[in-house]
Amino acid sequence: MTLQAPLIKGEKKSETCEEQLRRMCKDIAENITAGGGPDITRGAKDASSFMEDIYNIEWITHQDHSYKGARLMVAGGGPNIWVNLVDGTVDGYWGFDKVKHGFIDNIGLDDYLEEMHGCK
């Protein structure tokens, strides 16, 4: 059994994987709601800018192949994080941890993707 040294005053306890995942999903959801992008430093203010950092698009369609929604992969390899436009959630997966955080699409992602899907 390994004992951890007590924290020194002012020292931060390191985050668990679940806490990191929760923070990342919350940050992305808050940026979309506030009109920002998946990368806080980029500060994307519209759907076009947001889409520059997307790794993958999973299209969700009706039976007639018309647009219903999409899932956008914004992180992969460590945590996998998807922006789910059908449910209005940022869904994060890391090992056995799973996190969902709601958002309001204030940058027009759904409209942008519907138009993009119609051009295919």
PDB file of N, CA and C in Angstrom:
ATOM      1  N   MET A   1       0.845  -1.176   0.000  1.00  0.00           N
ATOM      2  CA  MET A   1       0.000   0.000   0.000  1.00  0.00           C
ATOM      3  C   MET A   1       0.890   1.240   0.000  1.00  0.00           C
ATOM      4  N   THR A   2       0.575   2.197  -0.882  1.00  0.00           N
ATOM      5  CA  THR A   2       1.340   3.429  -0.977  1.00  0.00           C
ATOM      6  C   THR A   2       0.569   4.552  -0.319  1.00  0.00           C
ATOM      7  N   LEU A   3       1.245   5.296   0.523  1.00  0.00           N
ATOM      8  CA  LEU A   3       0.605   6.436   1.174  1.00  0.00           C
ATOM      9  C   LEU A   3       0.961   7.694   0.415  1.00  0.00           C
ATOM     10  N   GLN A   4      -0.031   8.563   0.228  1.00  0.00           N
ATOM     11  CA  GLN A   4       0.224   9.835  -0.415  1.00  0.00           C
ATOM     12  C   GLN A   4       0.544  10.870   0.648  1.00  0.00           C
ATOM     13  N   ALA A   5       1.474  11.731   0.335  1.00  0.00           N
ATOM     14  CA  ALA A   5       1.801  12.820   1.252  1.00  0.00           C
ATOM     15  C   ALA A   5       0.629  13.783   1.293  1.00  0.00           C
ATOM     16  N   PRO A   6       0.373  14.385   2.448  1.00  0.00           N
ATOM     17  CA  PRO A   6      -0.720  15.346   2.528  1.00  0.00           C
ATOM     18  C   PRO A   6      -0.424  16.558   1.641  1.00  0.00           C
ATOM     19  N   LEU A   7      -1.476  17.196   1.176  1.00  0.00           N
ATOM     20  CA  LEU A   7      -1.316  18.374   0.332  1.00  0.00           C
ATOM     21  C   LEU A   7      -0.734  19.524   1.143  1.00  0.00           C
ATOM     22  N   ILE A   8       0.150  20.254   0.516  1.00  0.00           N
ATOM     23  CA  ILE A   8       0.701  21.460   1.118  1.00  0.00           C
ATOM     24  C   ILE A   8      -0.311  22.558   0.880  1.00  0.00           C
ATOM     25  N   LYS A   9      -0.451  23.468   1.831  1.00  0.00           N
ATOM     26  CA  LYS A   9      -1.422  24.552   1.701  1.00  0.00           C
ATOM     27  C   LYS A   9      -1.211  25.282   0.375  1.00  0.00           C
ATOM     28  N   GLY A  10      -2.297  25.436  -0.373  1.00  0.00           N
ATOM     29  CA  GLY A  10      -2.250  26.105  -1.668  1.00  0.00           C
ATOM     30  C   GLY A  10      -1.964  25.168  -2.839  1.00  0.00           C
ATOM     31  N   GLU A  11      -1.577  23.920  -2.537  1.00  0.00           N
ATOM     32  CA  GLU A  11      -1.293  22.949  -3.591  1.00  0.00           C
ATOM     33  C   GLU A  11      -2.609  22.334  -4.067  1.00  0.00           C
ATOM     34  N   LYS A  12      -2.746  22.182  -5.362  1.00  0.00           N
ATOM     35  CA  LYS A  12      -3.966  21.604  -5.933  1.00  0.00           C
ATOM     36  C   LYS A  12      -3.856  20.088  -6.012  1.00  0.00           C
ATOM     37  N   LYS A  13      -4.944  19.423  -5.676  1.00  0.00           N
ATOM     38  CA  LYS A  13      -5.024  17.977  -5.846  1.00  0.00           C
ATOM     39  C   LYS A  13      -5.166  17.708  -7.346  1.00  0.00           C
ATOM     40  N   SER A  14      -4.443  16.726  -7.871  1.00  0.00           N
ATOM     41  CA  SER A  14      -4.541  16.442  -9.302  1.00  0.00           C
ATOM     42  C   SER A  14      -5.917  15.854  -9.624  1.00  0.00           C
ATOM     43  N   GLU A  15      -6.389  16.166 -10.818  1.00  0.00           N
ATOM     44  CA  GLU A  15      -7.708  15.713 -11.249  1.00  0.00           C
ATOM     45  C   GLU A  15      -7.671  14.236 -11.624  1.00  0.00           C
ATOM     46  N   THR A  16      -8.766  13.548 -11.361  1.00  0.00           N
ATOM     47  CA  THR A  16      -8.919  12.188 -11.860  1.00  0.00           C
ATOM     48  C   THR A  16      -9.275  12.276 -13.337  1.00  0.00           C
ATOM     49  N   CYS A  17      -9.219  11.143 -14.047  1.00  0.00           N
ATOM     50  CA  CYS A  17      -9.607  11.119 -15.461  1.00  0.00           C
ATOM     51  C   CYS A  17     -11.055  11.573 -15.619  1.00  0.00           C
ATOM     52  N   GLU A  18     -11.940  11.120 -14.735  1.00  0.00           N
ATOM     53  CA  GLU A  18     -13.346  11.508 -14.827  1.00  0.00           C
ATOM     54  C   GLU A  18     -13.517  13.010 -14.617  1.00  0.00           C
ATOM     55  N   GLU A  19     -12.789  13.588 -13.671  1.00  0.00           N
ATOM     56  CA  GLU A  19     -12.884  15.033 -13.425  1.00  0.00           C
ATOM     57  C   GLU A  19     -12.365  15.822 -14.630  1.00  0.00           C
ATOM     58  N   GLN A  20     -11.275  15.362 -15.236  1.00  0.00           N
ATOM     59  CA  GLN A  20     -10.745  16.021 -16.428  1.00  0.00           C
ATOM     60  C   GLN A  20     -11.748  15.960 -17.571  1.00  0.00           C
ATOM     61  N   LEU A  21     -12.345  14.780 -17.761  1.00  0.00           N
ATOM     62  CA  LEU A  21     -13.332  14.602 -18.821  1.00  0.00           C
ATOM     63  C   LEU A  21     -14.533  15.503 -18.590  1.00  0.00           C
ATOM     64  N   ARG A  22     -15.014  15.554 -17.356  1.00  0.00           N
ATOM     65  CA  ARG A  22     -16.154  16.407 -17.005  1.00  0.00           C
ATOM     66  C   ARG A  22     -15.834  17.877 -17.287  1.00  0.00           C
ATOM     67  N   ARG A  23     -14.616  18.319 -16.927  1.00  0.00           N
ATOM     68  CA  ARG A  23     -14.201  19.704 -17.153  1.00  0.00           C
ATOM     69  C   ARG A  23     -14.117  20.012 -18.650  1.00  0.00           C
ATOM     70  N   MET A  24     -13.530  19.095 -19.419  1.00  0.00           N
ATOM     71  CA  MET A  24     -13.398  19.327 -20.862  1.00  0.00           C
ATOM     72  C   MET A  24     -14.765  19.424 -21.538  1.00  0.00           C
ATOM     73  N   CYS A  25     -15.673  18.503 -21.206  1.00  0.00           N
ATOM     74  CA  CYS A  25     -17.012  18.520 -21.806  1.00  0.00           C
ATOM     75  C   CYS A  25     -17.761  19.786 -21.419  1.00  0.00           C
ATOM     76  N   LYS A  26     -17.643  20.175 -20.172  1.00  0.00           N
ATOM     77  CA  LYS A  26     -18.311  21.396 -19.691  1.00  0.00           C
ATOM     78  C   LYS A  26     -17.761  22.623 -20.425  1.00  0.00           C
ATOM     79  N   ASP A  27     -16.434  22.704 -20.589  1.00  0.00           N
ATOM     80  CA  ASP A  27     -15.820  23.843 -21.281  1.00  0.00           C
ATOM     81  C   ASP A  27     -16.311  23.945 -22.725  1.00  0.00           C
ATOM     82  N   ILE A  28     -16.365  22.821 -23.420  1.00  0.00           N
ATOM     83  CA  ILE A  28     -16.827  22.828 -24.812  1.00  0.00           C
ATOM     84  C   ILE A  28     -18.288  23.255 -24.874  1.00  0.00           C
ATOM     85  N   ALA A  29     -19.134  22.687 -24.002  1.00  0.00           N
ATOM     86  CA  ALA A  29     -20.558  23.030 -23.982  1.00  0.00           C
ATOM     87  C   ALA A  29     -20.755  24.511 -23.668  1.00  0.00           C
ATOM     88  N   GLU A  30     -20.018  25.027 -22.699  1.00  0.00           N
ATOM     89  CA  GLU A  30     -20.149  26.446 -22.342  1.00  0.00           C
ATOM     90  C   GLU A  30     -19.677  27.349 -23.467  1.00  0.00           C
ATOM     91  N   ASN A  31     -18.639  26.931 -24.213  1.00  0.00           N
ATOM     92  CA  ASN A  31     -18.154  27.733 -25.341  1.00  0.00           C
ATOM     93  C   ASN A  31     -19.165  27.786 -26.474  1.00  0.00           C
ATOM     94  N   ILE A  32     -19.834  26.681 -26.741  1.00  0.00           N
ATOM     95  CA  ILE A  32     -20.868  26.676 -27.791  1.00  0.00           C
ATOM     96  C   ILE A  32     -22.037  27.553 -27.357  1.00  0.00           C
ATOM     97  N   THR A  33     -22.435  27.430 -26.104  1.00  0.00           N
ATOM     98  CA  THR A  33     -23.550  28.224 -25.580  1.00  0.00           C
ATOM     99  C   THR A  33     -23.203  29.720 -25.580  1.00  0.00           C
ATOM    100  N   ALA A  34     -21.949  30.033 -25.227  1.00  0.00           N
ATOM    101  CA  ALA A  34     -21.518  31.433 -25.154  1.00  0.00           C
ATOM    102  C   ALA A  34     -21.116  31.992 -26.517  1.00  0.00           C
ATOM    103  N   GLY A  35     -21.036  31.130 -27.529  1.00  0.00           N
ATOM    104  CA  GLY A  35     -20.640  31.589 -28.856  1.00  0.00           C
ATOM    105  C   GLY A  35     -19.164  31.404 -29.126  1.00  0.00           C
ATOM    106  N   GLY A  36     -18.497  30.488 -28.415  1.00  0.00           N
ATOM    107  CA  GLY A  36     -17.082  30.183 -28.634  1.00  0.00           C
ATOM    108  C   GLY A  36     -16.928  28.850 -29.309  1.00  0.00           C
ATOM    109  N   GLY A  37     -15.695  28.376 -29.416  1.00  0.00           N
ATOM    110  CA  GLY A  37     -15.431  27.119 -30.105  1.00  0.00           C
ATOM    111  C   GLY A  37     -14.941  26.028 -29.188  1.00  0.00           C
ATOM    112  N   PRO A  38     -14.565  24.869 -29.757  1.00  0.00           N
ATOM    113  CA  PRO A  38     -14.100  23.764 -28.932  1.00  0.00           C
ATOM    114  C   PRO A  38     -12.761  24.057 -28.280  1.00  0.00           C
ATOM    115  N   ASP A  39     -11.945  24.899 -28.902  1.00  0.00           N
ATOM    116  CA  ASP A  39     -10.655  25.292 -28.354  1.00  0.00           C
ATOM    117  C   ASP A  39     -10.807  26.702 -27.802  1.00  0.00           C
ATOM    118  N   ILE A  40     -10.746  26.831 -26.495  1.00  0.00           N
ATOM    119  CA  ILE A  40     -10.989  28.115 -25.835  1.00  0.00           C
ATOM    120  C   ILE A  40     -10.086  29.203 -26.391  1.00  0.00           C
ATOM    121  N   THR A  41      -8.839  28.866 -26.712  1.00  0.00           N
ATOM    122  CA  THR A  41      -7.896  29.874 -27.179  1.00  0.00           C
ATOM    123  C   THR A  41      -8.223  30.368 -28.584  1.00  0.00           C
ATOM    124  N   ARG A  42      -8.906  29.556 -29.375  1.00  0.00           N
ATOM    125  CA  ARG A  42      -9.253  29.983 -30.743  1.00  0.00           C
ATOM    126  C   ARG A  42     -10.407  30.949 -30.738  1.00  0.00           C
ATOM    127  N   GLY A  43     -11.356  30.732 -29.817  1.00  0.00           N
ATOM    128  CA  GLY A  43     -12.478  31.646 -29.707  1.00  0.00           C
ATOM    129  C   GLY A  43     -13.358  31.678 -30.937  1.00  0.00           C
ATOM    130  N   ALA A  44     -13.637  30.532 -31.543  1.00  0.00           N
ATOM    131  CA  ALA A  44     -14.512  30.489 -32.720  1.00  0.00           C
ATOM    132  C   ALA A  44     -15.866  31.092 -32.379  1.00  0.00           C
ATOM    133  N   LYS A  45     -16.307  32.020 -33.190  1.00  0.00           N
ATOM    134  CA  LYS A  45     -17.577  32.708 -32.931  1.00  0.00           C
ATOM    135  C   LYS A  45     -18.694  32.263 -33.856  1.00  0.00           C
ATOM    136  N   ASP A  46     -18.386  31.371 -34.797  1.00  0.00           N
ATOM    137  CA  ASP A  46     -19.420  30.889 -35.703  1.00  0.00           C
ATOM    138  C   ASP A  46     -19.163  29.427 -36.042  1.00  0.00           C
ATOM    139  N   ALA A  47     -20.127  28.810 -36.691  1.00  0.00           N
ATOM    140  CA  ALA A  47     -20.042  27.389 -37.007  1.00  0.00           C
ATOM    141  C   ALA A  47     -18.864  27.077 -37.930  1.00  0.00           C
ATOM    142  N   SER A  48     -18.613  27.932 -38.890  1.00  0.00           N
ATOM    143  CA  SER A  48     -17.521  27.698 -39.837  1.00  0.00           C
ATOM    144  C   SER A  48     -16.174  27.616 -39.118  1.00  0.00           C
ATOM    145  N   SER A  49     -15.928  28.524 -38.206  1.00  0.00           N
ATOM    146  CA  SER A  49     -14.678  28.502 -37.432  1.00  0.00           C
ATOM    147  C   SER A  49     -14.609  27.264 -36.552  1.00  0.00           C
ATOM    148  N   PHE A  50     -15.730  26.909 -35.935  1.00  0.00           N
ATOM    149  CA  PHE A  50     -15.794  25.730 -35.070  1.00  0.00           C
ATOM    150  C   PHE A  50     -15.434  24.477 -35.858  1.00  0.00           C
ATOM    151  N   MET A  51     -15.928  24.374 -37.082  1.00  0.00           N
ATOM    152  CA  MET A  51     -15.739  23.186 -37.898  1.00  0.00           C
ATOM    153  C   MET A  51     -14.278  22.959 -38.304  1.00  0.00           C
ATOM    154  N   GLU A  52     -13.428  23.968 -38.195  1.00  0.00           N
ATOM    155  CA  GLU A  52     -12.016  23.821 -38.555  1.00  0.00           C
ATOM    156  C   GLU A  52     -11.297  22.813 -37.660  1.00  0.00           C
ATOM    157  N   ASP A  53     -11.794  22.615 -36.428  1.00  0.00           N
ATOM    158  CA  ASP A  53     -11.134  21.726 -35.473  1.00  0.00           C
ATOM    159  C   ASP A  53     -11.822  20.378 -35.329  1.00  0.00           C
ATOM    160  N   ILE A  54     -12.761  20.055 -36.213  1.00  0.00           N
ATOM    161  CA  ILE A  54     -13.513  18.808 -36.113  1.00  0.00           C
ATOM    162  C   ILE A  54     -12.714  17.665 -36.743  1.00  0.00           C
ATOM    163  N   TYR A  55     -12.625  16.538 -36.021  1.00  0.00           N
ATOM    164  CA  TYR A  55     -11.922  15.363 -36.532  1.00  0.00           C
ATOM    165  C   TYR A  55     -12.813  14.499 -37.417  1.00  0.00           C
ATOM    166  N   ASN A  56     -14.105  14.428 -37.080  1.00  0.00           N
ATOM    167  CA  ASN A  56     -14.993  13.537 -37.819  1.00  0.00           C
ATOM    168  C   ASN A  56     -16.435  14.023 -37.667  1.00  0.00           C
ATOM    169  N   ILE A  57     -17.241  13.747 -38.693  1.00  0.00           N
ATOM    170  CA  ILE A  57     -18.679  14.034 -38.640  1.00  0.00           C
ATOM    171  C   ILE A  57     -19.417  12.720 -38.795  1.00  0.00           C
ATOM    172  N   GLU A  58     -20.301  12.433 -37.864  1.00  0.00           N
ATOM    173  CA  GLU A  58     -21.178  11.267 -37.964  1.00  0.00           C
ATOM    174  C   GLU A  58     -22.568  11.814 -38.286  1.00  0.00           C
ATOM    175  N   TRP A  59     -23.024  11.581 -39.507  1.00  0.00           N
ATOM    176  CA  TRP A  59     -24.313  12.094 -39.951  1.00  0.00           C
ATOM    177  C   TRP A  59     -25.449  11.245 -39.384  1.00  0.00           C
ATOM    178  N   ILE A  60     -26.500  11.883 -38.948  1.00  0.00           N
ATOM    179  CA  ILE A  60     -27.698  11.204 -38.460  1.00  0.00           C
ATOM    180  C   ILE A  60     -28.832  11.654 -39.367  1.00  0.00           C
ATOM    181  N   THR A  61     -29.443  10.673 -40.056  1.00  0.00           N
ATOM    182  CA  THR A  61     -30.457  11.019 -41.055  1.00  0.00           C
ATOM    183  C   THR A  61     -31.772  10.289 -40.790  1.00  0.00           C
ATOM    184  N   HIS A  62     -32.817  10.821 -41.412  1.00  0.00           N
ATOM    185  CA  HIS A  62     -34.117  10.148 -41.401  1.00  0.00           C
ATOM    186  C   HIS A  62     -34.065   9.006 -42.424  1.00  0.00           C
ATOM    187  N   GLN A  63     -35.116   8.214 -42.474  1.00  0.00           N
ATOM    188  CA  GLN A  63     -35.154   7.073 -43.392  1.00  0.00           C
ATOM    189  C   GLN A  63     -34.974   7.499 -44.852  1.00  0.00           C
ATOM    190  N   ASP A  64     -35.475   8.690 -45.194  1.00  0.00           N
ATOM    191  CA  ASP A  64     -35.338   9.173 -46.570  1.00  0.00           C
ATOM    192  C   ASP A  64     -33.988   9.868 -46.818  1.00  0.00           C
ATOM    193  N   HIS A  65     -33.070   9.749 -45.865  1.00  0.00           N
ATOM    194  CA  HIS A  65     -31.716  10.303 -45.927  1.00  0.00           C
ATOM    195  C   HIS A  65     -31.673  11.823 -45.777  1.00  0.00           C
ATOM    196  N   SER A  66     -32.774  12.437 -45.380  1.00  0.00           N
ATOM    197  CA  SER A  66     -32.738  13.873 -45.103  1.00  0.00           C
ATOM    198  C   SER A  66     -32.076  14.094 -43.744  1.00  0.00           C
ATOM    199  N   TYR A  67     -31.528  15.265 -43.573  1.00  0.00           N
ATOM    200  CA  TYR A  67     -30.760  15.604 -42.367  1.00  0.00           C
ATOM    201  C   TYR A  67     -31.626  15.577 -41.111  1.00  0.00           C
ATOM    202  N   LYS A  68     -31.149  14.916 -40.096  1.00  0.00           N
ATOM    203  CA  LYS A  68     -31.784  14.940 -38.768  1.00  0.00           C
ATOM    204  C   LYS A  68     -30.853  15.600 -37.765  1.00  0.00           C
ATOM    205  N   GLY A  69     -29.567  15.352 -37.881  1.00  0.00           N
ATOM    206  CA  GLY A  69     -28.583  15.907 -36.966  1.00  0.00           C
ATOM    207  C   GLY A  69     -27.216  15.328 -37.275  1.00  0.00           C
ATOM    208  N   ALA A  70     -26.282  15.581 -36.359  1.00  0.00           N
ATOM    209  CA  ALA A  70     -24.928  15.064 -36.540  1.00  0.00           C
ATOM    210  C   ALA A  70     -24.240  14.994 -35.188  1.00  0.00           C
ATOM    211  N   ARG A  71     -23.185  14.188 -35.163  1.00  0.00           N
ATOM    212  CA  ARG A  71     -22.278  14.158 -34.017  1.00  0.00           C
ATOM    213  C   ARG A  71     -20.916  14.565 -34.541  1.00  0.00           C
ATOM    214  N   LEU A  72     -20.276  15.499 -33.851  1.00  0.00           N
ATOM    215  CA  LEU A  72     -18.989  16.027 -34.279  1.00  0.00           C
ATOM    216  C   LEU A  72     -17.914  15.601 -33.294  1.00  0.00           C
ATOM    217  N   MET A  73     -16.886  14.907 -33.776  1.00  0.00           N
ATOM    218  CA  MET A  73     -15.790  14.499 -32.901  1.00  0.00           C
ATOM    219  C   MET A  73     -14.821  15.669 -32.754  1.00  0.00           C
ATOM    220  N   VAL A  74     -14.701  16.161 -31.512  1.00  0.00           N
ATOM    221  CA  VAL A  74     -13.814  17.286 -31.251  1.00  0.00           C
ATOM    222  C   VAL A  74     -12.539  16.863 -30.516  1.00  0.00           C
ATOM    223  N   ALA A  75     -12.505  15.626 -30.008  1.00  0.00           N
ATOM    224  CA  ALA A  75     -11.297  15.091 -29.365  1.00  0.00           C
ATOM    225  C   ALA A  75     -11.296  13.581 -29.532  1.00  0.00           C
ATOM    226  N   GLY A  76     -10.125  13.019 -29.726  1.00  0.00           N
ATOM    227  CA  GLY A  76     -10.007  11.574 -29.873  1.00  0.00           C
ATOM    228  C   GLY A  76      -8.626  11.106 -29.475  1.00  0.00           C
ATOM    229  N   GLY A  77      -8.521   9.828 -29.207  1.00  0.00           N
ATOM    230  CA  GLY A  77      -7.234   9.258 -28.863  1.00  0.00           C
ATOM    231  C   GLY A  77      -7.016   9.089 -27.373  1.00  0.00           C
ATOM    232  N   GLY A  78      -7.297  10.081 -26.588  1.00  0.00           N
ATOM    233  CA  GLY A  78      -7.271   9.976 -25.120  1.00  0.00           C
ATOM    234  C   GLY A  78      -8.719   9.931 -24.728  1.00  0.00           C
ATOM    235  N   PRO A  79      -9.233  11.072 -24.336  1.00  0.00           N
ATOM    236  CA  PRO A  79     -10.687  11.090 -24.235  1.00  0.00           C
ATOM    237  C   PRO A  79     -11.274  11.229 -25.637  1.00  0.00           C
ATOM    238  N   ASN A  80     -12.412  10.614 -25.870  1.00  0.00           N
ATOM    239  CA  ASN A  80     -13.177  10.827 -27.098  1.00  0.00           C
ATOM    240  C   ASN A  80     -14.336  11.731 -26.727  1.00  0.00           C
ATOM    241  N   ILE A  81     -14.444  12.870 -27.405  1.00  0.00           N
ATOM    242  CA  ILE A  81     -15.497  13.834 -27.095  1.00  0.00           C
ATOM    243  C   ILE A  81     -16.249  14.168 -28.377  1.00  0.00           C
ATOM    244  N   TRP A  82     -17.579  14.044 -28.295  1.00  0.00           N
ATOM    245  CA  TRP A  82     -18.471  14.302 -29.422  1.00  0.00           C
ATOM    246  C   TRP A  82     -19.460  15.397 -29.053  1.00  0.00           C
ATOM    247  N   VAL A  83     -19.717  16.308 -29.980  1.00  0.00           N
ATOM    248  CA  VAL A  83     -20.802  17.286 -29.845  1.00  0.00           C
ATOM    249  C   VAL A  83     -21.997  16.667 -30.549  1.00  0.00           C
ATOM    250  N   ASN A  84     -23.048  16.370 -29.789  1.00  0.00           N
ATOM    251  CA  ASN A  84     -24.228  15.689 -30.305  1.00  0.00           C
ATOM    252  C   ASN A  84     -25.327  16.727 -30.546  1.00  0.00           C
ATOM    253  N   LEU A  85     -25.599  17.026 -31.811  1.00  0.00           N
ATOM    254  CA  LEU A  85     -26.575  18.060 -32.152  1.00  0.00           C
ATOM    255  C   LEU A  85     -28.012  17.568 -32.089  1.00  0.00           C
ATOM    256  N   VAL A  86     -28.243  16.272 -32.034  1.00  0.00           N
ATOM    257  CA  VAL A  86     -29.597  15.748 -31.876  1.00  0.00           C
ATOM    258  C   VAL A  86     -30.046  15.915 -30.428  1.00  0.00           C
ATOM    259  N   ASP A  87     -29.160  15.528 -29.499  1.00  0.00           N
ATOM    260  CA  ASP A  87     -29.490  15.604 -28.074  1.00  0.00           C
ATOM    261  C   ASP A  87     -29.138  16.940 -27.439  1.00  0.00           C
ATOM    262  N   GLY A  88     -28.307  17.743 -28.104  1.00  0.00           N
ATOM    263  CA  GLY A  88     -27.855  19.002 -27.516  1.00  0.00           C
ATOM    264  C   GLY A  88     -26.917  18.770 -26.343  1.00  0.00           C
ATOM    265  N   THR A  89     -26.021  17.770 -26.501  1.00  0.00           N
ATOM    266  CA  THR A  89     -25.083  17.443 -25.434  1.00  0.00           C
ATOM    267  C   THR A  89     -23.666  17.300 -25.977  1.00  0.00           C
ATOM    268  N   VAL A  90     -22.705  17.520 -25.099  1.00  0.00           N
ATOM    269  CA  VAL A  90     -21.320  17.171 -25.378  1.00  0.00           C
ATOM    270  C   VAL A  90     -21.093  15.871 -24.626  1.00  0.00           C
ATOM    271  N   ASP A  91     -20.774  14.807 -25.368  1.00  0.00           N
ATOM    272  CA  ASP A  91     -20.634  13.467 -24.799  1.00  0.00           C
ATOM    273  C   ASP A  91     -19.158  13.087 -24.758  1.00  0.00           C
ATOM    274  N   GLY A  92     -18.668  12.773 -23.558  1.00  0.00           N
ATOM    275  CA  GLY A  92     -17.270  12.408 -23.396  1.00  0.00           C
ATOM    276  C   GLY A  92     -17.113  10.984 -22.906  1.00  0.00           C
ATOM    277  N   TYR A  93     -16.108  10.304 -23.437  1.00  0.00           N
ATOM    278  CA  TYR A  93     -15.817   8.926 -23.073  1.00  0.00           C
ATOM    279  C   TYR A  93     -14.314   8.801 -22.841  1.00  0.00           C
ATOM    280  N   TRP A  94     -13.957   8.204 -21.699  1.00  0.00           N
ATOM    281  CA  TRP A  94     -12.543   7.999 -21.404  1.00  0.00           C
ATOM    282  C   TRP A  94     -12.450   6.768 -20.519  1.00  0.00           C
ATOM    283  N   GLY A  95     -11.944   5.690 -21.071  1.00  0.00           N
ATOM    284  CA  GLY A  95     -11.926   4.427 -20.333  1.00  0.00           C
ATOM    285  C   GLY A  95     -13.355   4.010 -20.009  1.00  0.00           C
ATOM    286  N   PHE A  96     -13.633   3.811 -18.731  1.00  0.00           N
ATOM    287  CA  PHE A  96     -14.980   3.438 -18.300  1.00  0.00           C
ATOM    288  C   PHE A  96     -15.839   4.646 -17.945  1.00  0.00           C
ATOM    289  N   ASP A  97     -15.274   5.837 -18.014  1.00  0.00           N
ATOM    290  CA  ASP A  97     -16.009   7.053 -17.646  1.00  0.00           C
ATOM    291  C   ASP A  97     -16.815   7.570 -18.834  1.00  0.00           C
ATOM    292  N   LYS A  98     -18.005   8.066 -18.539  1.00  0.00           N
ATOM    293  CA  LYS A  98     -18.883   8.637 -19.553  1.00  0.00           C
ATOM    294  C   LYS A  98     -19.519   9.893 -18.963  1.00  0.00           C
ATOM    295  N   VAL A  99     -19.467  10.996 -19.707  1.00  0.00           N
ATOM    296  CA  VAL A  99     -19.977  12.281 -19.229  1.00  0.00           C
ATOM    297  C   VAL A  99     -20.844  12.903 -20.315  1.00  0.00           C
ATOM    298  N   LYS A 100     -21.940  13.543 -19.912  1.00  0.00           N
ATOM    299  CA  LYS A 100     -22.780  14.324 -20.828  1.00  0.00           C
ATOM    300  C   LYS A 100     -22.968  15.706 -20.225  1.00  0.00           C
ATOM    301  N   HIS A 101     -22.861  16.732 -21.054  1.00  0.00           N
ATOM    302  CA  HIS A 101     -23.095  18.097 -20.594  1.00  0.00           C
ATOM    303  C   HIS A 101     -23.913  18.818 -21.662  1.00  0.00           C
ATOM    304  N   GLY A 102     -25.032  19.400 -21.284  1.00  0.00           N
ATOM    305  CA  GLY A 102     -25.920  20.066 -22.233  1.00  0.00           C
ATOM    306  C   GLY A 102     -25.391  21.410 -22.711  1.00  0.00           C
ATOM    307  N   PHE A 103     -25.865  21.818 -23.887  1.00  0.00           N
ATOM    308  CA  PHE A 103     -25.503  23.129 -24.436  1.00  0.00           C
ATOM    309  C   PHE A 103     -26.657  23.678 -25.264  1.00  0.00           C
ATOM    310  N   ILE A 104     -26.582  24.972 -25.551  1.00  0.00           N
ATOM    311  CA  ILE A 104     -27.506  25.638 -26.472  1.00  0.00           C
ATOM    312  C   ILE A 104     -26.672  26.068 -27.677  1.00  0.00           C
ATOM    313  N   ASP A 105     -27.119  25.711 -28.865  1.00  0.00           N
ATOM    314  CA  ASP A 105     -26.364  25.984 -30.091  1.00  0.00           C
ATOM    315  C   ASP A 105     -26.500  27.463 -30.470  1.00  0.00           C
ATOM    316  N   ASN A 106     -25.647  28.289 -29.894  1.00  0.00           N
ATOM    317  CA  ASN A 106     -25.670  29.721 -30.184  1.00  0.00           C
ATOM    318  C   ASN A 106     -24.697  30.137 -31.280  1.00  0.00           C
ATOM    319  N   ILE A 107     -24.077  29.157 -31.961  1.00  0.00           N
ATOM    320  CA  ILE A 107     -23.190  29.505 -33.078  1.00  0.00           C
ATOM    321  C   ILE A 107     -23.714  28.967 -34.406  1.00  0.00           C
ATOM    322  N   GLY A 108     -24.894  28.363 -34.401  1.00  0.00           N
ATOM    323  CA  GLY A 108     -25.522  27.917 -35.639  1.00  0.00           C
ATOM    324  C   GLY A 108     -24.952  26.638 -36.224  1.00  0.00           C
ATOM    325  N   LEU A 109     -24.427  25.747 -35.385  1.00  0.00           N
ATOM    326  CA  LEU A 109     -23.867  24.490 -35.883  1.00  0.00           C
ATOM    327  C   LEU A 109     -24.890  23.642 -36.619  1.00  0.00           C
ATOM    328  N   ASP A 110     -26.078  23.501 -36.032  1.00  0.00           N
ATOM    329  CA  ASP A 110     -27.096  22.644 -36.638  1.00  0.00           C
ATOM    330  C   ASP A 110     -27.502  23.161 -38.021  1.00  0.00           C
ATOM    331  N   ASP A 111     -27.719  24.457 -38.143  1.00  0.00           N
ATOM    332  CA  ASP A 111     -28.074  25.046 -39.442  1.00  0.00           C
ATOM    333  C   ASP A 111     -26.936  24.862 -40.449  1.00  0.00           C
ATOM    334  N   TYR A 112     -25.711  25.086 -40.012  1.00  0.00           N
ATOM    335  CA  TYR A 112     -24.537  24.941 -40.872  1.00  0.00           C
ATOM    336  C   TYR A 112     -24.436  23.514 -41.402  1.00  0.00           C
ATOM    337  N   LEU A 113     -24.623  22.535 -40.510  1.00  0.00           N
ATOM    338  CA  LEU A 113     -24.506  21.133 -40.913  1.00  0.00           C
ATOM    339  C   LEU A 113     -25.675  20.685 -41.791  1.00  0.00           C
ATOM    340  N   GLU A 114     -26.852  21.221 -41.532  1.00  0.00           N
ATOM    341  CA  GLU A 114     -27.991  20.894 -42.383  1.00  0.00           C
ATOM    342  C   GLU A 114     -27.736  21.372 -43.811  1.00  0.00           C
ATOM    343  N   GLU A 115     -27.187  22.584 -43.940  1.00  0.00           N
ATOM    344  CA  GLU A 115     -26.851  23.119 -45.250  1.00  0.00           C
ATOM    345  C   GLU A 115     -25.728  22.299 -45.888  1.00  0.00           C
ATOM    346  N   MET A 116     -24.720  21.940 -45.100  1.00  0.00           N
ATOM    347  CA  MET A 116     -23.611  21.143 -45.596  1.00  0.00           C
ATOM    348  C   MET A 116     -24.087  19.786 -46.084  1.00  0.00           C
ATOM    349  N   HIS A 117     -25.004  19.156 -45.364  1.00  0.00           N
ATOM    350  CA  HIS A 117     -25.546  17.857 -45.737  1.00  0.00           C
ATOM    351  C   HIS A 117     -26.349  17.953 -47.040  1.00  0.00           C
ATOM    352  N   GLY A 118     -27.067  19.045 -47.215  1.00  0.00           N
ATOM    353  CA  GLY A 118     -27.863  19.245 -48.425  1.00  0.00           C
ATOM    354  C   GLY A 118     -27.028  19.420 -49.667  1.00  0.00           C
ATOM    355  N   CYS A 119     -25.770  19.810 -49.510  1.00  0.00           N
ATOM    356  CA  CYS A 119     -24.875  20.019 -50.645  1.00  0.00           C
ATOM    357  C   CYS A 119     -24.196  18.744 -51.106  1.00  0.00           C
ATOM    358  N   LYS A 120     -24.369  17.657 -50.391  1.00  0.00           N
ATOM    359  CA  LYS A 120     -23.709  16.392 -50.743  1.00  0.00           C
ATOM    360  C   LYS A 120     -24.353  15.760 -51.937  1.00  0.00           C
TER     361      LYS A 120
END
